[in-house]
Each structure stands twice: as C-alpha cells, then as structure tokens.
Amino acid sequence: MSSTPPTEALLWTARETAKALSICPKTLWALTRSGRLPAVRIGRGVRYDVADVRAFVESAKGSSVNDS
C-alpha cells in the first residue's frame, strides 16, 4: 500500500488567510473588494491563492506605512 505525501494547500479559506496575515476578516474583505488581494470563487465559497497572498505581502513590503 503506497501513501502519498501531504501536499501544501493551494487555496486558503478567508479565515485561514486572515489568520496568516494577522488581520481581521473585515480588513481581508476590504482588501478583496478593493482588488488589492485577488480571491477565487468556487461555488458560493471564496478562497485565496497562497501565491497571491505571498505576492500581496511582498508588494506591501515596498509600501511605506506613512504613504497616503
């Protein structure tokens, strides 16, 4: 009997994404609505691509906190 190794999730739920970013779900929805963080809709569910979340973090590193 062969067992397959565990794989990293490709998509995170909103709760998992908010927790990974250390933000509240309302902030996550605001980022999604503004288009700053893309989401994947599967049926009625919304998921976030792990690669998109990482890209968002990298792009946020280039922004100054004081930018308006």
C-alpha atoms as a PDB file:
ATOM      1  CA  MET A   1       0.000   0.000   0.000  1.00  0.00           C
ATOM      2  CA  SER A   2       1.522   3.333  -1.024  1.00  0.00           C
ATOM      3  CA  SER A   3       0.752   6.519   0.798  1.00  0.00           C
ATOM      4  CA  THR A   4       1.017   9.896  -0.825  1.00  0.00           C
ATOM      5  CA  PRO A   5       2.949  12.613   0.957  1.00  0.00           C
ATOM      6  CA  PRO A   6       0.944  15.533   2.339  1.00  0.00           C
ATOM      7  CA  THR A   7       0.770  18.473  -0.009  1.00  0.00           C
ATOM      8  CA  GLU A   8       0.645  22.159   0.756  1.00  0.00           C
ATOM      9  CA  ALA A   9      -2.785  23.689   0.290  1.00  0.00           C
ATOM     10  CA  LEU A  10      -3.153  25.698  -2.912  1.00  0.00           C
ATOM     11  CA  LEU A  11      -6.065  27.749  -1.595  1.00  0.00           C
ATOM     12  CA  TRP A  12      -6.882  29.118   1.847  1.00  0.00           C
ATOM     13  CA  THR A  13     -10.264  29.984   3.304  1.00  0.00           C
ATOM     14  CA  ALA A  14     -10.941  33.569   4.343  1.00  0.00           C
ATOM     15  CA  ARG A  15     -10.392  32.595   7.975  1.00  0.00           C
ATOM     16  CA  GLU A  16      -7.050  30.935   7.189  1.00  0.00           C
ATOM     17  CA  THR A  17      -5.953  33.905   5.079  1.00  0.00           C
ATOM     18  CA  ALA A  18      -6.890  36.478   7.709  1.00  0.00           C
ATOM     19  CA  LYS A  19      -5.066  34.452  10.347  1.00  0.00           C
ATOM     20  CA  ALA A  20      -1.970  34.070   8.139  1.00  0.00           C
ATOM     21  CA  LEU A  21      -1.897  37.842   7.571  1.00  0.00           C
ATOM     22  CA  SER A  22      -2.701  38.616  11.234  1.00  0.00           C
ATOM     23  CA  ILE A  23      -5.626  40.811  10.213  1.00  0.00           C
ATOM     24  CA  CYS A  24      -9.327  40.720  10.983  1.00  0.00           C
ATOM     25  CA  PRO A  25     -11.749  39.278   8.400  1.00  0.00           C
ATOM     26  CA  LYS A  26     -13.256  42.743   7.766  1.00  0.00           C
ATOM     27  CA  THR A  27      -9.856  44.021   6.676  1.00  0.00           C
ATOM     28  CA  LEU A  28      -9.436  40.987   4.427  1.00  0.00           C
ATOM     29  CA  TRP A  29     -12.809  41.657   2.759  1.00  0.00           C
ATOM     30  CA  ALA A  30     -11.840  45.305   2.247  1.00  0.00           C
ATOM     31  CA  LEU A  31      -8.590  44.237   0.562  1.00  0.00           C
ATOM     32  CA  THR A  32     -10.542  41.805  -1.611  1.00  0.00           C
ATOM     33  CA  ARG A  33     -13.216  44.338  -2.593  1.00  0.00           C
ATOM     34  CA  SER A  34     -10.571  46.929  -3.472  1.00  0.00           C
ATOM     35  CA  GLY A  35      -8.811  44.419  -5.738  1.00  0.00           C
ATOM     36  CA  ARG A  36      -5.547  44.536  -3.782  1.00  0.00           C
ATOM     37  CA  LEU A  37      -5.856  40.843  -2.886  1.00  0.00           C
ATOM     38  CA  PRO A  38      -7.427  38.600  -5.530  1.00  0.00           C
ATOM     39  CA  ALA A  39      -9.871  35.891  -4.498  1.00  0.00           C
ATOM     40  CA  VAL A  40     -11.048  32.691  -6.155  1.00  0.00           C
ATOM     41  CA  ARG A  41     -14.766  31.968  -6.070  1.00  0.00           C
ATOM     42  CA  ILE A  42     -15.701  28.291  -6.083  1.00  0.00           C
ATOM     43  CA  GLY A  43     -19.454  27.940  -5.945  1.00  0.00           C
ATOM     44  CA  ARG A  44     -20.543  30.127  -3.055  1.00  0.00           C
ATOM     45  CA  GLY A  45     -17.181  29.899  -1.332  1.00  0.00           C
ATOM     46  CA  VAL A  46     -14.315  32.352  -1.531  1.00  0.00           C
ATOM     47  CA  ARG A  47     -10.743  31.129  -1.368  1.00  0.00           C
ATOM     48  CA  TYR A  48      -7.360  32.811  -1.595  1.00  0.00           C
ATOM     49  CA  ASP A  49      -4.431  31.524  -3.633  1.00  0.00           C
ATOM     50  CA  VAL A  50      -1.419  31.123  -1.356  1.00  0.00           C
ATOM     51  CA  ALA A  51       0.830  32.550  -4.096  1.00  0.00           C
ATOM     52  CA  ASP A  52      -1.391  35.668  -4.325  1.00  0.00           C
ATOM     53  CA  VAL A  53      -1.224  36.133  -0.559  1.00  0.00           C
ATOM     54  CA  ARG A  54       2.565  35.888  -0.631  1.00  0.00           C
ATOM     55  CA  ALA A  55       2.732  38.345  -3.561  1.00  0.00           C
ATOM     56  CA  PHE A  56       0.497  40.758  -1.621  1.00  0.00           C
ATOM     57  CA  VAL A  57       2.859  40.605   1.366  1.00  0.00           C
ATOM     58  CA  GLU A  58       5.890  41.204  -0.872  1.00  0.00           C
ATOM     59  CA  SER A  59       4.228  44.212  -2.522  1.00  0.00           C
ATOM     60  CA  ALA A  60       3.213  45.586   0.878  1.00  0.00           C
ATOM     61  CA  LYS A  61       6.856  45.483   1.956  1.00  0.00           C
ATOM     62  CA  GLY A  62       7.625  48.086  -0.694  1.00  0.00           C
ATOM     63  CA  SER A  63       4.944  50.474   0.558  1.00  0.00           C
ATOM     64  CA  SER A  64       5.635  52.896   3.346  1.00  0.00           C
ATOM     65  CA  VAL A  65       3.216  52.857   6.278  1.00  0.00           C
ATOM     66  CA  ASN A  66       3.005  56.650   6.013  1.00  0.00           C
ATOM     67  CA  ASP A  67       2.011  56.662   2.305  1.00  0.00           C
ATOM     68  CA  SER A  68      -1.411  58.191   1.704  1.00  0.00           C
END
